[in-house]
Structures are given as structure tokens and as C-alpha cells.
């Protein structure tokens, strides 16, 4: 049970005090929040910016003839420009607001399905799929970057294929090269695995995929919050990520796409705010990003996301990456050294993100999570929306500890100590 009483949380990084969500006690213990891979805590700066907007400038954007609407629209589009700069977009028109990353990936997949149905005109022919064409993912994907492509294959008659992973849950550029064929039309993969922490060589993979004429769709959910991104430089065609994993609010995600591709892709959702003309016979649509943003816009959320981006830039993405890499290596080394604990993913010394998923022999992951929670340690348990990967690893569930810029060595110490006690507590030694 969460207590809001204040207490010292020990020696923490200088940024930890910026996060009110890290201050409560949990079950009488200082909170050790190691679940940032699921959702990050928000700094006061982000909370304050969204609250100020709602208190002083709240209005519907676009088309309003009054001052508040103009101010809200200006702030809304400035937020888009901030995010565009953050990911290296060529224009803010390459940034589409979505409800989350899952929505963004579905937008691309369903847009391609609509193109295959003849929507979008000649310019959409780039996205048309036919029987014999192939959609390629990896066995390590989050369901959000797997199920939409399965559905697209089922609707179009394309063949759904995947790059198999090795025994440690990782895959290589050679594995991808062996799976790509001259019929591959889409290659979708995660920049960073949310289970293993494996970091994909994106630029090299994009070059390979483009060599056979495939579009490259990047799941950047576990990379955008933690490392500098240049999506144009990486060579991908589309990328998706969510605000709530990068210090921002829930309810908003981002689809980045090359402008020429977005303008040719048929819309996924239709309605108000995305049309040029509507008659009783037909409708025509605005160019990107408006054509993909039907309905009421996530205005306060976009402004909060922009402030989260500015916060990350103030801290420094390189510093964040280095901090998490060090903590992640500690997780791998120290958890992996415990009897009966199996850490999945790249071996010690191999580049990986600041997270670790592990199995405790003889103890279910949910029991591990509850045992740690009693000590104030928050971790993730389950299949992490990656059932095929867990099945390949011979597991039904794992426990995942994931770090962020506010994570501390003390939290890693407490986690390792807690996990070391699990098997004895449950009589599994």
C-alpha cells in the first residue's frame, strides 16, 4: 500500500528530487522504482507545464477565432516542432500525434491495408501488398509491432515471416540478411528489445532492407527515452514511440515518417479535422500530419511531451545513456551471479539497454514481483507483451527491472539483495 508520508530516500542522483512520484514510501520502505520500461515517472517541470496550460490557455486548436484558441494552437504546433527536432525530423510535418505507440504502428499497417484496397490513389501504390509479398518482423517483437503486421498479412494475402532469435533471445544482422528476400515489402523491428535489452544496428539493417525494396518500420519505444535519435540518419521510413515512457503523459504517442511517404499513405481514421472537402458523394483529405489526426487533439499532452523532451535535453541524452548502461551492466552481472537466476539477453560485456529480465528457478515471476514489492521495489512481471519470445526462451514469464535517469546504485543494491532472498523464502533452493 502506498504511503504519501515524506521520508529520506538515501543517497540518490541529483535529478531524483525533480520527481514527486519517487518520493512516497511503499509498504513502509523507500520506493525503488525499477519499472521505467513500462512507464516513467514525471518531473515536476512536465506536470507544471501541463497544469499551467489547462489553467490559462485551454482551448480547442485550429480554426478558432478567439485568443485562447490561437494561443493553444501556437503552443500545440511548437510542441510538434520540439519533438521533430528531438528525433532529427526534416520538418514538423513528419510528426504525427497518436494516442500511443501501438496506435502509431497500427496507423501504418492499416494505412497499407487501405492502400491495398485501392484507397489513396496512384501515389499510394508504394504501400500495396499482394499474395507472395512478405512482411518481416523478428521473434523478439512486442505484440504492438507484431500483431498489426499479422493482421495486415491476413487482410492482404501477404506472407508473414519472422527473423528467429538465438537461445539468448537476440538476433543479428546476419540473421536479418538471411530472412530478407526480394519479396520483402516491410521489415518491422524494435530498436531496443523491451525484454532482452538487445540493441539493433538500425542503420545497417535499414540499408539491407532498402536493398530489397522494403519499407523499414522502427519501434523506438525503448530507445527514444534513453538515447539520442536521428531517424533520418538511421535510414528508417517510419518510427513509433510513446510519451509516457519518456517522462511525458499518457494518451499521446508519436509516429514519425518521411514526409513523402506520409503524404501518400491513406489515413487510418477519418472524420473531423483531417479533411479538405466533404460532399455527400466523397471526401478529400489534408496532407500529413493533419490527415492522420482526426477528431479532438491531445493538446495539453503534446505540450507536456515537449517539456519532457526539453528536460531530457537539459540532462543530456549521452549522459542518460551512459548512466543506464552502467546500471544495466550491474543488473546483468549481479543478478546473473545469483544461484538459480537466469538473465535473458546479451551476455555480460555486450552492449545492451539499462534493463534486465530474469527467471528465478522454482519461483513464478509474479511471486518474485510480490516479494520485492513488500520491500518497496517496483519491477515488471509477466511476458511483457512478448509471448513468442518467452516461448522461444522456454519461459512463460520473467521479472524485469528497468532503469532511467533517476535510478540509483542503491536501488540496484536493494534489488539484488531482494532477489537473493527469493528462493529461500519460497523454499525453492
Protein backbone atom coordinates (compact mmCIF):
# COMPACT_ATOMS: atom_id res chain seq x y z
CA UNK A 1 0.00 0.00 0.00
CA UNK A 2 1.40 3.41 -0.99
CA UNK A 3 2.03 5.96 1.72
CA UNK A 4 2.48 9.65 0.87
CA UNK A 5 4.38 10.45 4.04
CA UNK A 6 7.74 12.04 3.37
CA UNK A 7 10.95 10.32 4.27
CA UNK A 8 14.56 10.29 3.27
CA UNK A 9 15.29 8.06 0.30
CA UNK A 10 19.00 7.96 0.90
CA UNK A 11 21.75 8.91 -1.46
CA UNK A 12 20.19 9.50 -4.90
CA UNK A 13 21.18 11.16 -8.15
CA UNK A 14 20.77 14.92 -8.31
CA UNK A 15 17.75 14.55 -10.57
CA UNK A 16 15.70 12.30 -8.32
CA UNK A 17 14.31 15.22 -6.33
CA UNK A 18 12.67 16.54 -9.51
CA UNK A 19 10.25 13.58 -9.50
CA UNK A 20 7.45 13.76 -6.93
CA UNK A 21 6.30 10.25 -7.87
CA UNK A 22 9.53 8.83 -6.47
CA UNK A 23 9.10 10.34 -3.02
CA UNK A 24 6.35 8.18 -1.42
CA UNK A 25 7.06 5.14 0.68
CA UNK A 26 5.68 1.79 -0.44
CA UNK A 27 4.89 -0.80 2.23
CA UNK A 28 6.88 1.25 4.71
CA UNK A 29 10.01 1.26 2.55
CA UNK A 30 11.54 3.93 0.31
CA UNK A 31 10.30 3.39 -3.23
CA UNK A 32 12.82 1.76 -5.58
CA UNK A 33 11.13 2.33 -8.92
CA UNK A 34 12.61 -0.11 -11.43
CA UNK A 35 9.69 -0.23 -13.86
CA UNK A 36 10.50 2.70 -16.12
CA UNK A 37 10.46 0.42 -19.15
CA UNK A 38 6.69 0.20 -18.63
CA UNK A 39 6.10 3.84 -17.76
CA UNK A 40 8.38 6.58 -16.50
CA UNK A 41 7.78 8.94 -13.62
CA UNK A 42 7.21 12.61 -14.49
CA UNK A 43 9.34 15.51 -13.32
CA UNK A 44 7.61 18.49 -11.74
CA UNK A 45 8.50 20.60 -14.78
CA UNK A 46 6.31 18.41 -17.00
CA UNK A 47 3.44 18.27 -14.52
CA UNK A 48 3.57 22.05 -14.05
CA UNK A 49 3.60 22.86 -17.77
CA UNK A 50 0.52 20.77 -18.47
CA UNK A 51 -1.32 22.15 -15.46
CA UNK A 52 -0.48 25.76 -16.44
CA UNK A 53 -1.78 25.19 -19.96
CA UNK A 54 -5.05 23.77 -18.66
CA UNK A 55 -5.43 26.62 -16.18
CA UNK A 56 -4.58 29.51 -18.53
CA UNK A 57 -4.73 28.53 -22.21
CA UNK A 58 -7.10 25.59 -22.53
CA UNK A 59 -8.94 25.67 -25.87
CA UNK A 60 -9.51 23.59 -28.99
CA UNK A 61 -6.77 24.07 -31.56
CA UNK A 62 -7.09 25.14 -35.21
CA UNK A 63 -9.90 27.21 -36.73
CA UNK A 64 -10.83 29.02 -33.52
CA UNK A 65 -11.37 32.77 -33.94
CA UNK A 66 -10.60 33.69 -30.33
CA UNK A 67 -7.37 34.44 -28.49
CA UNK A 68 -7.24 31.27 -26.39
CA UNK A 69 -7.63 29.11 -29.49
CA UNK A 70 -4.80 30.98 -31.20
CA UNK A 71 -2.52 30.63 -28.16
CA UNK A 72 -3.36 26.94 -27.79
CA UNK A 73 -2.71 26.31 -31.49
CA UNK A 74 0.64 28.09 -31.30
CA UNK A 75 1.72 26.04 -28.28
CA UNK A 76 0.47 22.84 -29.89
CA UNK A 77 2.42 23.32 -33.10
CA UNK A 78 5.51 24.50 -31.20
CA UNK A 79 5.37 21.18 -29.32
CA UNK A 80 5.38 19.37 -32.66
CA UNK A 81 8.45 21.35 -33.72
CA UNK A 82 10.22 20.46 -30.46
CA UNK A 83 9.63 16.75 -30.94
CA UNK A 84 10.65 17.00 -34.61
CA UNK A 85 13.99 18.50 -33.63
CA UNK A 86 14.47 15.86 -30.92
CA UNK A 87 14.30 12.96 -33.40
CA UNK A 88 16.08 14.66 -36.30
CA UNK A 89 13.00 15.12 -38.49
CA UNK A 90 13.36 17.25 -41.60
CA UNK A 91 10.10 19.04 -40.84
CA UNK A 92 7.47 19.15 -38.13
CA UNK A 93 5.09 17.81 -40.78
CA UNK A 94 6.84 14.46 -40.26
CA UNK A 95 5.48 14.26 -36.70
CA UNK A 96 2.02 12.72 -36.29
CA UNK A 97 0.36 12.71 -32.89
CA UNK A 98 -1.24 9.39 -32.00
CA UNK A 99 -2.75 8.02 -28.80
CA UNK A 100 0.30 5.81 -28.13
CA UNK A 101 2.95 3.82 -29.99
CA UNK A 102 0.58 0.90 -30.58
CA UNK A 103 -1.77 3.30 -32.32
CA UNK A 104 1.11 4.66 -34.39
CA UNK A 105 2.15 1.23 -35.62
CA UNK A 106 -1.45 0.33 -36.41
CA UNK A 107 -1.74 3.59 -38.35
CA UNK A 108 0.99 2.44 -40.74
CA UNK A 109 -0.26 -1.14 -41.01
CA UNK A 110 -3.90 -0.22 -41.55
CA UNK A 111 -2.90 2.56 -43.93
CA UNK A 112 -1.10 -0.02 -46.04
CA UNK A 113 -4.17 -2.22 -45.88
CA UNK A 114 -6.31 0.66 -47.12
CA UNK A 115 -3.86 1.24 -49.97
CA UNK A 116 -4.19 -2.41 -50.93
CA UNK A 117 -7.97 -1.93 -51.04
CA UNK A 118 -7.48 0.85 -53.58
CA UNK A 119 -7.73 3.83 -51.27
CA UNK A 120 -5.31 6.72 -51.69
CA UNK A 121 -4.94 6.79 -55.44
CA UNK A 122 -1.84 6.16 -57.58
CA UNK A 123 0.52 7.76 -55.07
CA UNK A 124 -0.37 5.01 -52.56
CA UNK A 125 0.86 2.23 -54.85
CA UNK A 126 4.09 2.11 -52.80
CA UNK A 127 2.09 0.53 -49.99
CA UNK A 128 0.04 -2.02 -51.93
CA UNK A 129 0.60 -5.65 -50.92
CA UNK A 130 -0.29 -8.76 -52.89
CA UNK A 131 -0.12 -12.52 -52.35
CA UNK A 132 3.53 -13.52 -52.46
CA UNK A 133 4.73 -10.27 -50.91
CA UNK A 134 6.33 -10.66 -47.48
CA UNK A 135 6.11 -8.80 -44.19
CA UNK A 136 9.11 -9.45 -41.95
CA UNK A 137 9.38 -8.92 -38.19
CA UNK A 138 11.56 -10.57 -35.54
CA UNK A 139 10.68 -13.20 -32.97
CA UNK A 140 11.61 -10.71 -30.26
CA UNK A 141 8.95 -8.09 -31.03
CA UNK A 142 6.50 -6.52 -28.64
CA UNK A 143 2.98 -7.52 -29.65
CA UNK A 144 2.35 -3.93 -30.79
CA UNK A 145 4.92 -4.43 -33.55
CA UNK A 146 3.81 -7.95 -34.37
CA UNK A 147 0.02 -8.33 -34.26
CA UNK A 148 -0.74 -5.39 -36.62
CA UNK A 149 1.54 -6.97 -39.24
CA UNK A 150 -0.08 -10.38 -38.79
CA UNK A 151 -3.42 -8.70 -39.37
CA UNK A 152 -2.13 -6.86 -42.43
CA UNK A 153 -0.88 -10.12 -43.90
CA UNK A 154 -4.23 -11.79 -43.25
CA UNK A 155 -6.13 -8.95 -44.94
CA UNK A 156 -3.89 -8.66 -48.00
CA UNK A 157 -2.74 -12.22 -48.63
CA UNK A 158 0.87 -11.28 -47.98
CA UNK A 159 3.13 -13.78 -46.21
CA UNK A 160 4.03 -13.05 -42.59
CA UNK A 161 7.60 -14.09 -41.73
CA UNK A 162 10.00 -13.51 -38.85
CA UNK A 163 13.68 -13.46 -38.03
CA UNK A 164 14.25 -16.22 -35.44
CA UNK A 165 16.16 -15.42 -32.27
CA UNK A 166 19.01 -17.34 -30.67
CA UNK A 167 18.88 -19.13 -27.33
CA UNK A 168 19.62 -15.86 -25.50
CA UNK A 169 16.75 -14.05 -27.23
CA UNK A 170 18.93 -11.94 -29.51
CA UNK A 171 19.28 -11.81 -33.29
CA UNK A 172 21.95 -10.43 -35.59
CA UNK A 173 22.30 -8.54 -38.82
CA UNK A 174 23.29 -11.83 -40.47
CA UNK A 175 20.02 -13.37 -39.29
CA UNK A 176 18.10 -10.48 -40.83
CA UNK A 177 20.05 -10.71 -44.08
CA UNK A 178 19.15 -14.39 -44.34
CA UNK A 179 15.45 -13.64 -43.83
CA UNK A 180 15.13 -10.67 -46.21
CA UNK A 181 14.16 -11.59 -49.78
CA UNK A 182 13.30 -9.71 -52.94
CA UNK A 183 9.63 -10.13 -51.96
CA UNK A 184 10.03 -8.41 -48.57
CA UNK A 185 7.89 -5.27 -48.58
CA UNK A 186 8.01 -4.36 -44.88
CA UNK A 187 10.66 -5.01 -42.24
CA UNK A 188 9.48 -4.00 -38.75
CA UNK A 189 11.70 -4.36 -35.70
CA UNK A 190 12.50 -2.80 -32.32
CA UNK A 191 15.49 -0.55 -31.86
CA UNK A 192 15.82 -1.90 -28.31
CA UNK A 193 14.11 -5.06 -27.06
CA UNK A 194 11.84 -4.44 -24.09
CA UNK A 195 12.71 -7.92 -22.77
CA UNK A 196 16.38 -8.56 -23.51
CA UNK A 197 17.73 -5.02 -23.87
CA UNK A 198 19.28 -6.07 -27.19
CA UNK A 199 20.19 -3.01 -29.30
CA UNK A 200 19.63 -3.47 -33.03
CA UNK A 201 22.10 -1.99 -35.57
CA UNK A 202 19.38 0.11 -37.16
CA UNK A 203 21.28 1.91 -39.90
CA UNK A 204 22.84 -1.29 -41.24
CA UNK A 205 19.51 -3.11 -41.12
CA UNK A 206 17.74 -0.26 -42.91
CA UNK A 207 20.33 -0.34 -45.67
CA UNK A 208 19.84 -4.09 -46.09
CA UNK A 209 16.07 -3.77 -46.19
CA UNK A 210 16.11 -0.92 -48.66
CA UNK A 211 18.39 -3.03 -50.83
CA UNK A 212 15.48 -5.39 -51.47
CA UNK A 213 12.92 -2.58 -51.72
CA UNK A 214 11.37 -2.97 -48.27
CA UNK A 215 9.96 -0.23 -46.07
CA UNK A 216 11.55 -0.08 -42.61
CA UNK A 217 9.32 0.46 -39.56
CA UNK A 218 11.11 1.06 -36.26
CA UNK A 219 9.68 0.51 -32.79
CA UNK A 220 11.59 3.21 -30.89
CA UNK A 221 9.70 2.92 -27.59
CA UNK A 222 12.72 1.73 -25.62
CA UNK A 223 15.25 3.95 -27.40
CA UNK A 224 13.66 7.40 -27.76
CA UNK A 225 13.56 7.97 -23.97
CA UNK A 226 17.15 6.92 -23.42
CA UNK A 227 19.45 7.82 -26.32
CA UNK A 228 19.85 10.47 -28.98
CA UNK A 229 17.91 9.66 -32.15
CA UNK A 230 18.46 10.81 -35.72
CA UNK A 231 15.71 8.96 -37.53
CA UNK A 232 16.59 10.42 -40.92
CA UNK A 233 20.23 9.49 -40.41
CA UNK A 234 19.29 5.97 -39.34
CA UNK A 235 17.59 5.49 -42.68
CA UNK A 236 14.25 4.16 -41.46
CA UNK A 237 10.93 5.07 -43.10
CA UNK A 238 8.62 5.13 -40.08
CA UNK A 239 9.22 5.12 -36.31
CA UNK A 240 6.89 5.00 -33.32
CA UNK A 241 7.29 5.86 -29.65
CA UNK A 242 5.18 6.87 -26.63
CA UNK A 243 5.35 9.92 -24.40
CA UNK A 244 4.71 8.11 -21.13
CA UNK A 245 7.97 6.17 -21.35
CA UNK A 246 9.99 9.39 -21.74
CA UNK A 247 8.78 11.49 -18.79
CA UNK A 248 5.64 12.64 -20.60
CA UNK A 249 1.93 11.99 -20.10
CA UNK A 250 -0.19 9.05 -21.12
CA UNK A 251 -2.61 9.41 -24.01
CA UNK A 252 -0.16 10.60 -26.64
CA UNK A 253 2.30 8.83 -28.89
CA UNK A 254 4.32 9.79 -31.93
CA UNK A 255 4.57 8.45 -35.43
CA UNK A 256 7.49 9.82 -37.39
CA UNK A 257 7.53 9.16 -41.10
CA UNK A 258 9.24 10.51 -44.17
CA UNK A 259 7.02 13.33 -45.40
CA UNK A 260 6.67 11.96 -48.91
CA UNK A 261 5.53 8.61 -47.51
CA UNK A 262 3.08 10.12 -45.04
CA UNK A 263 1.50 12.25 -47.75
CA UNK A 264 0.96 9.13 -49.88
CA UNK A 265 -0.30 6.81 -47.12
CA UNK A 266 -4.11 6.57 -46.90
CA UNK A 267 -5.50 7.57 -43.50
CA UNK A 268 -6.34 5.04 -40.81
CA UNK A 269 -9.09 7.04 -39.07
CA UNK A 270 -11.38 9.54 -40.73
CA UNK A 271 -13.67 12.31 -39.52
CA UNK A 272 -13.29 15.90 -38.46
CA UNK A 273 -10.04 17.89 -38.60
CA UNK A 274 -8.43 15.80 -41.35
CA UNK A 275 -10.42 16.73 -44.47
CA UNK A 276 -10.22 19.38 -47.17
CA UNK A 277 -13.68 18.86 -48.68
CA UNK A 278 -16.65 16.68 -47.78
CA UNK A 279 -19.67 16.15 -50.02
CA UNK A 280 -22.41 13.58 -49.82
CA UNK A 281 -20.58 11.62 -52.51
CA UNK A 282 -16.94 11.68 -51.36
CA UNK A 283 -14.28 13.31 -49.20
CA UNK A 284 -10.73 14.53 -49.75
CA UNK A 285 -8.03 14.65 -47.11
CA UNK A 286 -5.40 17.08 -45.90
CA UNK A 287 -1.70 16.28 -46.23
CA UNK A 288 0.25 14.91 -43.26
CA UNK A 289 0.18 15.30 -40.34
CA UNK A 290 -3.42 16.54 -40.26
CA UNK A 291 -4.72 13.66 -42.40
CA UNK A 292 -3.86 11.24 -39.58
CA UNK A 293 -5.16 13.37 -36.69
CA UNK A 294 -8.93 13.03 -36.92
CA UNK A 295 -11.00 14.32 -34.04
CA UNK A 296 -10.11 16.24 -30.90
CA UNK A 297 -6.39 16.73 -30.47
CA UNK A 298 -4.21 15.82 -27.42
CA UNK A 299 -3.25 19.44 -26.85
CA UNK A 300 -2.14 19.52 -23.22
CA UNK A 301 -0.44 16.15 -23.66
CA UNK A 302 1.61 17.39 -26.62
CA UNK A 303 2.74 20.43 -24.64
CA UNK A 304 3.73 18.22 -21.71
CA UNK A 305 5.62 15.90 -24.06
CA UNK A 306 7.56 18.86 -25.46
CA UNK A 307 8.55 19.85 -21.93
CA UNK A 308 9.65 16.26 -21.27
CA UNK A 309 11.86 16.49 -24.35
CA UNK A 310 13.38 19.74 -23.11
CA UNK A 311 14.02 18.14 -19.72
CA UNK A 312 15.79 15.20 -21.36
CA UNK A 313 17.87 17.60 -23.42
CA UNK A 314 18.85 19.54 -20.31
CA UNK A 315 20.03 16.37 -18.61
CA UNK A 316 21.71 15.17 -21.81
CA UNK A 317 20.88 12.01 -23.75
CA UNK A 318 24.51 10.90 -23.81
CA UNK A 319 24.73 11.18 -20.03
CA UNK A 320 21.45 9.28 -19.65
CA UNK A 321 22.62 6.51 -21.95
CA UNK A 322 25.93 6.13 -20.10
CA UNK A 323 24.24 6.15 -16.68
CA UNK A 324 21.73 3.48 -17.66
CA UNK A 325 24.31 1.34 -19.45
CA UNK A 326 26.36 1.19 -16.26
CA UNK A 327 23.35 0.31 -14.12
CA UNK A 328 22.18 -2.20 -16.71
CA UNK A 329 25.55 -3.92 -16.66
CA UNK A 330 25.30 -4.16 -12.89
CA UNK A 331 21.89 -5.79 -13.25
CA UNK A 332 23.21 -8.37 -15.70
CA UNK A 333 26.39 -9.15 -13.78
CA UNK A 334 25.00 -9.21 -10.24
CA UNK A 335 21.65 -10.86 -10.90
CA UNK A 336 23.33 -13.38 -13.18
CA UNK A 337 25.77 -14.30 -10.42
CA UNK A 338 22.98 -15.35 -8.05
CA UNK A 339 22.31 -19.11 -7.76
CA UNK A 340 19.23 -20.16 -9.70
CA UNK A 341 18.82 -16.83 -11.52
CA UNK A 342 18.87 -16.74 -15.32
CA UNK A 343 19.17 -13.35 -17.00
CA UNK A 344 17.97 -13.40 -20.60
CA UNK A 345 19.53 -11.36 -23.37
CA UNK A 346 23.05 -10.40 -24.44
CA UNK A 347 25.94 -11.76 -22.42
CA UNK A 348 27.87 -9.62 -19.98
CA UNK A 349 30.05 -7.10 -21.77
CA UNK A 350 27.79 -6.86 -24.84
CA UNK A 351 26.08 -3.52 -25.47
CA UNK A 352 22.53 -3.51 -24.15
CA UNK A 353 19.98 -1.16 -22.66
CA UNK A 354 19.62 -0.48 -18.95
CA UNK A 355 17.19 -3.27 -18.21
CA UNK A 356 17.32 -6.94 -17.34
CA UNK A 357 14.65 -9.64 -17.49
CA UNK A 358 15.32 -12.72 -15.40
CA UNK A 359 13.89 -16.02 -14.24
CA UNK A 360 14.25 -17.37 -10.71
CA UNK A 361 14.31 -21.17 -10.75
CA UNK A 362 11.33 -22.68 -8.98
CA UNK A 363 9.59 -19.35 -8.32
CA UNK A 364 6.97 -17.78 -10.59
CA UNK A 365 7.68 -14.25 -11.74
CA UNK A 366 4.52 -12.93 -10.10
CA UNK A 367 5.69 -14.30 -6.75
CA UNK A 368 9.07 -12.66 -7.28
CA UNK A 369 7.37 -9.35 -8.02
CA UNK A 370 5.17 -9.50 -4.93
CA UNK A 371 8.11 -10.46 -2.73
CA UNK A 372 10.07 -7.46 -3.99
CA UNK A 373 7.07 -5.15 -3.70
CA UNK A 374 6.89 -5.95 0.01
CA UNK A 375 10.36 -4.37 0.20
CA UNK A 376 9.30 -1.27 -1.74
CA UNK A 377 10.89 -2.44 -5.01
CA UNK A 378 8.76 -1.96 -8.13
CA UNK A 379 9.50 -4.29 -11.06
CA UNK A 380 7.53 -5.68 -14.01
CA UNK A 381 6.41 -9.31 -14.20
CA UNK A 382 4.82 -11.36 -16.97
CA UNK A 383 5.57 -11.86 -20.65
CA UNK A 384 5.97 -8.10 -21.26
CA UNK A 385 3.73 -8.29 -24.35
CA UNK A 386 6.25 -10.65 -25.95
CA UNK A 387 4.77 -14.13 -25.72
CA UNK A 388 6.57 -15.58 -28.77
CA UNK A 389 9.94 -14.51 -27.38
CA UNK A 390 9.22 -16.02 -23.98
CA UNK A 391 8.01 -19.21 -25.63
CA UNK A 392 11.27 -19.40 -27.57
CA UNK A 393 13.19 -18.91 -24.31
CA UNK A 394 11.24 -21.75 -22.71
CA UNK A 395 9.60 -19.41 -20.21
CA UNK A 396 6.06 -18.29 -19.51
CA UNK A 397 7.08 -15.14 -17.67
CA UNK A 398 10.07 -13.18 -16.42
CA UNK A 399 10.73 -10.44 -13.91
CA UNK A 400 12.05 -7.23 -15.47
CA UNK A 401 13.99 -4.44 -13.80
CA UNK A 402 14.38 -1.34 -15.94
CA UNK A 403 16.26 1.85 -15.13
CA UNK A 404 16.09 5.50 -16.09
CA UNK A 405 17.99 8.70 -15.45
CA UNK A 406 16.70 8.87 -11.86
CA UNK A 407 17.67 5.29 -10.96
CA UNK A 408 20.42 4.79 -8.41
CA UNK A 409 23.04 2.28 -7.37
CA UNK A 410 21.25 1.92 -4.06
CA UNK A 411 18.17 0.68 -5.90
CA UNK A 412 20.25 -1.92 -7.73
CA UNK A 413 21.76 -3.00 -4.40
CA UNK A 414 18.30 -3.43 -2.89
CA UNK A 415 17.01 -5.35 -5.90
CA UNK A 416 19.93 -7.77 -5.97
CA UNK A 417 19.65 -8.34 -2.23
CA UNK A 418 15.91 -8.93 -2.53
CA UNK A 419 16.27 -11.40 -5.40
CA UNK A 420 18.97 -13.25 -3.48
CA UNK A 421 16.39 -13.99 -0.77
CA UNK A 422 13.55 -15.12 -3.04
CA UNK A 423 14.34 -18.82 -3.47
CA UNK A 424 14.87 -19.41 0.24
CA UNK A 425 11.62 -17.62 1.09
CA UNK A 426 9.62 -19.80 -1.31
CA UNK A 427 11.51 -22.99 -0.44
CA UNK A 428 12.93 -23.33 -3.95
CA UNK A 429 16.60 -23.80 -3.05
